[in-house]
């Protein structure tokens, strides 16, 4: 089995949620008519004024920022998602949306956080960090290696010929039967560590360390298929018999006894008191997205202070801010 070594360095830097160079340029992008440095995200990404290692703050909008190709090392920061579903998120609950985004060659080490991608997210370079985003279909293929994909809400992910990836604390939401595709498809030419995720549908895993995950698919729904090629699978919980019962795996667990099942689209995966996922992971960690060293953050709020309330009463203005 191929092992992850440098990916843990990626995790350390990604968990900070900060641009790779704090001295680099910072630019605002807004397409709602509010004055900013740029109205177009693609124009900002290709501008000669915006240098490698710079940060683009993409602001809330009811309009998509269109299709974007990143061709140098950049950090893209949006406001998060499901902002109207969870409390104390942002004063404006509109997300920052992109139709499609490609991290092309020469953008090694780029990061995206707090963004909503309506179509495809494509990784074509190494060391890309996707953290706390709402993504539709994600594609990772050679020469893209050593990526960190963590704390996202993702419909489905396809990985081909891509090694040493870290996939931590994500929700994979595609829950159709196998005929409708995999929510997680890790081709046999790929490798990595897959940890503390929730999988709502069928999976194909390869050459990975796979632990502390929860699969909600059932045999009755036909979305419980797990195909394993040469992976170490332990300390996982399945609603069906995805994992069996060896290596500290649990099978045929009623998910109504695992999750609260109420609240926001991501908050409903919080563990119930006494859940069978509590302490069931490696080294006594919780299984699922809120366990481990990089727990999921509701609404994908970036690791920056957020103004979540602005109140005006006469000449009094009240602003409430919290860190994330």
Protein backbone atom coordinates (compact mmCIF):
# COMPACT_ATOMS: atom_id res chain seq x y z
CA UNK A 1 0.00 0.00 0.00
CA UNK A 2 1.18 3.50 -0.80
CA UNK A 3 1.47 5.78 2.21
CA UNK A 4 0.85 9.46 2.86
CA UNK A 5 3.80 11.35 4.26
CA UNK A 6 3.71 14.92 2.99
CA UNK A 7 -0.10 15.12 3.11
CA UNK A 8 0.06 15.61 6.85
CA UNK A 9 2.09 18.78 6.23
CA UNK A 10 -0.71 19.92 3.96
CA UNK A 11 -3.25 19.21 6.71
CA UNK A 12 -1.32 21.30 9.18
CA UNK A 13 -1.25 24.36 6.94
CA UNK A 14 -4.80 23.84 5.69
CA UNK A 15 -6.22 23.65 9.20
CA UNK A 16 -5.11 27.25 9.73
CA UNK A 17 -7.43 28.35 6.93
CA UNK A 18 -5.06 31.18 6.06
CA UNK A 19 -3.43 32.36 2.83
CA UNK A 20 -0.03 30.74 2.22
CA UNK A 21 1.77 34.09 2.51
CA UNK A 22 0.38 36.66 4.96
CA UNK A 23 2.43 39.42 3.27
CA UNK A 24 0.89 38.79 -0.15
CA UNK A 25 -1.73 41.01 -1.80
CA UNK A 26 -5.40 40.84 -0.81
CA UNK A 27 -8.18 41.73 -3.24
CA UNK A 28 -11.97 42.01 -3.03
CA UNK A 29 -14.27 40.62 -5.73
CA UNK A 30 -17.94 41.67 -5.83
CA UNK A 31 -20.41 41.41 -8.73
CA UNK A 32 -23.43 42.98 -7.00
CA UNK A 33 -22.61 46.63 -7.72
CA UNK A 34 -20.81 47.24 -4.43
CA UNK A 35 -17.42 48.85 -5.20
CA UNK A 36 -14.54 46.36 -5.04
CA UNK A 37 -11.18 45.71 -6.68
CA UNK A 38 -12.79 43.40 -9.27
CA UNK A 39 -16.30 42.55 -10.44
CA UNK A 40 -15.19 39.41 -12.32
CA UNK A 41 -13.48 36.52 -10.53
CA UNK A 42 -11.87 35.29 -13.75
CA UNK A 43 -10.50 38.76 -14.43
CA UNK A 44 -9.07 38.86 -10.92
CA UNK A 45 -7.52 35.40 -11.26
CA UNK A 46 -5.74 36.32 -14.50
CA UNK A 47 -4.89 39.94 -13.71
CA UNK A 48 -1.19 40.82 -13.87
CA UNK A 49 -1.81 43.02 -10.83
CA UNK A 50 -2.77 39.97 -8.77
CA UNK A 51 0.40 38.09 -7.99
CA UNK A 52 1.12 34.48 -7.14
CA UNK A 53 0.32 33.84 -3.45
CA UNK A 54 -2.30 36.62 -3.38
CA UNK A 55 -5.76 36.21 -1.84
CA UNK A 56 -9.11 36.89 -3.50
CA UNK A 57 -11.97 37.59 -1.10
CA UNK A 58 -15.11 36.62 -3.04
CA UNK A 59 -18.13 38.32 -1.52
CA UNK A 60 -21.73 37.19 -1.06
CA UNK A 61 -23.93 37.49 -4.12
CA UNK A 62 -27.19 36.18 -5.59
CA UNK A 63 -25.36 35.90 -8.92
CA UNK A 64 -22.77 33.32 -9.92
CA UNK A 65 -19.21 34.47 -10.60
CA UNK A 66 -19.18 32.21 -13.66
CA UNK A 67 -16.49 29.78 -14.79
CA UNK A 68 -12.98 30.28 -13.45
CA UNK A 69 -9.56 28.85 -14.36
CA UNK A 70 -6.78 29.33 -11.81
CA UNK A 71 -3.32 29.39 -13.42
CA UNK A 72 -1.16 30.64 -10.54
CA UNK A 73 -1.01 30.03 -6.82
CA UNK A 74 -4.00 31.84 -5.30
CA UNK A 75 -6.22 31.64 -2.24
CA UNK A 76 -9.96 32.08 -2.82
CA UNK A 77 -12.08 32.84 0.25
CA UNK A 78 -15.87 32.99 0.23
CA UNK A 79 -18.42 33.43 3.06
CA UNK A 80 -19.54 29.79 3.45
CA UNK A 81 -22.78 27.97 2.57
CA UNK A 82 -26.08 26.93 4.19
CA UNK A 83 -25.72 30.34 5.84
CA UNK A 84 -29.45 30.71 6.44
CA UNK A 85 -29.73 27.24 7.94
CA UNK A 86 -27.24 27.50 10.79
CA UNK A 87 -27.16 30.19 13.53
CA UNK A 88 -24.56 32.94 13.84
CA UNK A 89 -22.99 32.51 10.39
CA UNK A 90 -22.83 35.73 8.34
CA UNK A 91 -24.88 38.93 8.33
CA UNK A 92 -25.58 38.26 4.65
CA UNK A 93 -26.73 34.68 4.04
CA UNK A 94 -26.03 34.72 0.29
CA UNK A 95 -23.12 32.44 -0.73
CA UNK A 96 -20.34 33.14 -3.24
CA UNK A 97 -21.11 30.89 -6.21
CA UNK A 98 -18.99 29.68 -9.14
CA UNK A 99 -20.35 27.73 -12.11
CA UNK A 100 -17.16 25.68 -12.64
CA UNK A 101 -13.56 26.00 -11.49
CA UNK A 102 -10.33 24.42 -12.74
CA UNK A 103 -7.06 24.54 -10.82
CA UNK A 104 -4.78 24.28 -13.83
CA UNK A 105 -1.02 23.81 -14.10
CA UNK A 106 1.22 26.33 -12.30
CA UNK A 107 -1.23 26.79 -9.41
CA UNK A 108 0.52 24.37 -7.03
CA UNK A 109 -0.50 25.05 -3.44
CA UNK A 110 -3.63 27.04 -4.23
CA UNK A 111 -6.46 27.01 -1.71
CA UNK A 112 -10.22 27.50 -1.88
CA UNK A 113 -12.46 27.87 1.17
CA UNK A 114 -16.00 29.07 1.86
CA UNK A 115 -17.06 28.84 -1.79
CA UNK A 116 -20.05 27.20 -3.51
CA UNK A 117 -19.36 25.50 -6.86
CA UNK A 118 -22.51 24.66 -8.84
CA UNK A 119 -20.86 22.49 -11.50
CA UNK A 120 -17.43 20.91 -11.66
CA UNK A 121 -14.28 21.39 -9.60
CA UNK A 122 -11.21 20.06 -11.43
CA UNK A 123 -7.73 19.64 -9.94
CA UNK A 124 -4.85 19.49 -12.44
CA UNK A 125 -1.89 20.50 -10.26
CA UNK A 126 -0.40 19.31 -6.99
CA UNK A 127 -0.92 20.34 -3.39
CA UNK A 128 -4.35 21.93 -3.88
CA UNK A 129 -6.32 22.58 -0.68
CA UNK A 130 -10.13 22.44 -0.81
CA UNK A 131 -11.43 23.17 2.68
CA UNK A 132 -14.94 24.10 3.87
CA UNK A 133 -16.67 24.41 0.49
CA UNK A 134 -19.97 23.25 -0.97
CA UNK A 135 -19.00 21.35 -4.12
CA UNK A 136 -20.96 19.45 -6.76
CA UNK A 137 -18.75 17.10 -8.79
CA UNK A 138 -15.03 17.02 -7.97
CA UNK A 139 -12.47 15.48 -10.36
CA UNK A 140 -8.86 14.79 -9.38
CA UNK A 141 -6.46 13.27 -11.90
CA UNK A 142 -2.75 13.05 -12.73
CA UNK A 143 -0.61 15.16 -12.50
CA UNK A 144 -2.61 16.36 -9.49
CA UNK A 145 -1.12 14.75 -6.35
CA UNK A 146 -0.84 15.37 -2.61
CA UNK A 147 -4.09 17.31 -2.30
CA UNK A 148 -6.02 18.03 0.88
CA UNK A 149 -9.82 17.78 0.60
CA UNK A 150 -11.33 18.46 4.00
CA UNK A 151 -14.48 19.63 5.78
CA UNK A 152 -16.46 20.05 2.55
CA UNK A 153 -20.04 19.24 1.58
CA UNK A 154 -19.55 17.35 -1.71
CA UNK A 155 -22.02 15.64 -4.01
CA UNK A 156 -19.46 13.25 -5.54
CA UNK A 157 -15.73 12.87 -6.11
CA UNK A 158 -13.81 10.99 -8.80
CA UNK A 159 -10.09 10.37 -8.40
CA UNK A 160 -7.94 8.91 -11.18
CA UNK A 161 -4.16 8.32 -11.17
CA UNK A 162 -3.68 10.64 -8.21
CA UNK A 163 -1.56 9.59 -5.22
CA UNK A 164 -1.02 10.68 -1.59
CA UNK A 165 -4.26 12.58 -1.18
CA UNK A 166 -5.85 13.34 2.20
CA UNK A 167 -9.67 13.20 2.30
CA UNK A 168 -10.84 14.19 5.78
CA UNK A 169 -14.16 15.10 7.45
CA UNK A 170 -16.30 15.57 4.34
CA UNK A 171 -19.96 14.83 3.63
CA UNK A 172 -20.41 12.98 0.32
CA UNK A 173 -24.09 13.55 -0.37
CA UNK A 174 -24.91 11.59 -3.56
CA UNK A 175 -27.26 8.86 -2.30
CA UNK A 176 -28.61 7.26 -5.50
CA UNK A 177 -28.33 3.50 -6.19
CA UNK A 178 -25.14 2.26 -7.83
CA UNK A 179 -26.72 2.70 -11.26
CA UNK A 180 -26.70 6.43 -10.51
CA UNK A 181 -22.98 6.49 -9.82
CA UNK A 182 -20.59 6.59 -6.87
CA UNK A 183 -20.49 9.35 -4.29
CA UNK A 184 -16.79 8.48 -3.91
CA UNK A 185 -14.83 6.79 -6.70
CA UNK A 186 -11.14 6.31 -6.04
CA UNK A 187 -9.72 4.53 -9.07
CA UNK A 188 -7.16 1.71 -8.59
CA UNK A 189 -4.38 4.00 -9.80
CA UNK A 190 -4.85 6.34 -6.81
CA UNK A 191 -3.91 6.34 -3.12
CA UNK A 192 -4.30 8.33 0.09
CA UNK A 193 -5.90 8.55 3.51
CA UNK A 194 -9.70 8.66 3.81
CA UNK A 195 -10.81 9.53 7.32
CA UNK A 196 -13.84 10.76 9.31
CA UNK A 197 -16.12 11.19 6.30
CA UNK A 198 -19.83 10.51 5.83
CA UNK A 199 -20.75 8.64 2.65
CA UNK A 200 -24.42 8.68 1.62
CA UNK A 201 -23.98 6.39 -1.39
CA UNK A 202 -21.78 3.80 -3.10
CA UNK A 203 -18.00 3.87 -2.92
CA UNK A 204 -14.93 2.54 -4.71
CA UNK A 205 -11.73 2.82 -2.68
CA UNK A 206 -8.14 1.96 -3.56
CA UNK A 207 -4.75 1.82 -1.82
CA UNK A 208 -5.87 3.91 1.10
CA UNK A 209 -5.97 4.02 4.86
CA UNK A 210 -9.71 4.15 5.44
CA UNK A 211 -10.95 4.71 8.97
CA UNK A 212 -13.50 6.48 11.21
CA UNK A 213 -15.98 6.84 8.33
CA UNK A 214 -19.76 6.38 8.39
CA UNK A 215 -21.73 5.01 5.41
CA UNK A 216 -25.49 5.67 5.46
CA UNK A 217 -26.47 3.65 2.36
CA UNK A 218 -28.73 0.62 2.78
CA UNK A 219 -29.27 -2.60 0.86
CA UNK A 220 -32.95 -1.70 0.42
CA UNK A 221 -31.99 1.54 -1.35
CA UNK A 222 -29.21 -0.12 -3.36
CA UNK A 223 -26.71 2.56 -2.38
CA UNK A 224 -24.61 0.51 0.03
CA UNK A 225 -22.01 -0.92 -2.37
CA UNK A 226 -18.37 -0.66 -1.23
CA UNK A 227 -15.67 -1.96 -3.58
CA UNK A 228 -12.28 -2.18 -1.88
CA UNK A 229 -8.99 -2.57 -3.72
CA UNK A 230 -6.01 -3.12 -1.44
CA UNK A 231 -7.11 -0.74 1.34
CA UNK A 232 -6.83 -0.95 5.13
CA UNK A 233 -10.42 -0.59 6.39
CA UNK A 234 -10.99 -0.27 10.14
CA UNK A 235 -13.15 1.48 12.75
CA UNK A 236 -15.98 2.39 10.36
CA UNK A 237 -19.76 2.23 10.77
CA UNK A 238 -22.20 1.11 8.10
CA UNK A 239 -25.99 1.21 7.85
CA UNK A 240 -25.64 -1.98 5.83
CA UNK A 241 -22.83 -4.56 5.63
CA UNK A 242 -20.40 -2.28 3.75
CA UNK A 243 -17.60 -2.84 6.23
CA UNK A 244 -18.47 -6.10 7.94
CA UNK A 245 -17.57 -6.51 11.60
CA UNK A 246 -13.85 -7.29 11.56
CA UNK A 247 -11.13 -4.71 12.32
CA UNK A 248 -13.44 -2.82 14.72
CA UNK A 249 -15.95 -2.08 11.97
CA UNK A 250 -19.69 -2.04 12.73
CA UNK A 251 -22.42 -3.30 10.39
CA UNK A 252 -26.19 -2.88 10.01
CA UNK A 253 -26.39 0.09 12.38
CA UNK A 254 -29.63 2.10 12.42
CA UNK A 255 -28.59 5.64 11.52
CA UNK A 256 -31.50 6.97 13.60
CA UNK A 257 -29.46 5.90 16.63
CA UNK A 258 -26.29 7.55 15.31
CA UNK A 259 -27.24 11.07 14.15
CA UNK A 260 -29.61 13.72 15.47
CA UNK A 261 -31.18 13.80 12.01
CA UNK A 262 -32.56 17.30 12.56
CA UNK A 263 -31.48 20.85 11.77
CA UNK A 264 -29.47 22.04 8.80
CA UNK A 265 -28.32 19.97 5.83
CA UNK A 266 -24.95 19.53 7.51
CA UNK A 267 -25.92 19.89 11.19
CA UNK A 268 -28.17 16.82 11.00
CA UNK A 269 -25.03 14.68 11.04
CA UNK A 270 -24.21 15.66 14.64
CA UNK A 271 -23.97 12.60 16.87
CA UNK A 272 -26.70 11.73 19.33
CA UNK A 273 -25.73 11.31 22.99
CA UNK A 274 -24.71 7.69 23.38
CA UNK A 275 -24.32 7.25 19.61
CA UNK A 276 -22.58 4.07 18.50
CA UNK A 277 -20.18 6.33 16.59
CA UNK A 278 -19.01 8.07 19.77
CA UNK A 279 -15.54 6.85 20.68
CA UNK A 280 -15.71 4.09 18.06
CA UNK A 281 -12.86 5.40 15.92
CA UNK A 282 -9.12 4.87 16.05
CA UNK A 283 -7.67 5.77 19.47
CA UNK A 284 -11.16 6.35 20.84
CA UNK A 285 -12.01 9.20 18.47
CA UNK A 286 -15.58 9.73 17.28
CA UNK A 287 -16.46 8.41 13.85
CA UNK A 288 -17.97 10.86 11.38
CA UNK A 289 -17.31 14.46 10.39
CA UNK A 290 -17.06 15.98 13.87
CA UNK A 291 -14.39 13.56 15.04
CA UNK A 292 -10.62 13.51 14.64
CA UNK A 293 -8.16 16.37 14.54
CA UNK A 294 -9.88 18.47 11.83
CA UNK A 295 -13.61 18.46 12.67
CA UNK A 296 -16.19 19.73 10.21
CA UNK A 297 -17.33 23.35 10.66
CA UNK A 298 -21.03 24.03 10.08
CA UNK A 299 -21.75 26.12 6.96
CA UNK A 300 -18.11 25.91 5.89
CA UNK A 301 -17.27 29.19 7.57
CA UNK A 302 -13.68 30.18 6.74
CA UNK A 303 -11.19 30.37 9.58
CA UNK A 304 -11.60 34.15 9.82
CA UNK A 305 -13.70 36.45 12.03
CA UNK A 306 -17.29 36.71 10.75
CA UNK A 307 -19.80 39.51 11.23
CA UNK A 308 -22.99 37.54 11.82
CA UNK A 309 -25.29 40.32 13.03
CA UNK A 310 -25.67 44.03 12.30
CA UNK A 311 -28.45 45.87 14.14
CA UNK A 312 -29.43 49.54 13.79
CA UNK A 313 -31.70 51.28 16.29
CA UNK A 314 -31.77 55.06 15.95
CA UNK A 315 -28.17 56.23 16.14
CA UNK A 316 -27.07 52.96 17.78
CA UNK A 317 -25.33 50.32 15.64
CA UNK A 318 -24.77 46.85 17.08
CA UNK A 319 -22.27 44.54 15.41
CA UNK A 320 -21.72 40.94 16.54
CA UNK A 321 -18.56 39.15 15.44
CA UNK A 322 -17.20 35.69 16.15
CA UNK A 323 -14.13 33.77 15.14
CA UNK A 324 -14.29 30.45 13.28
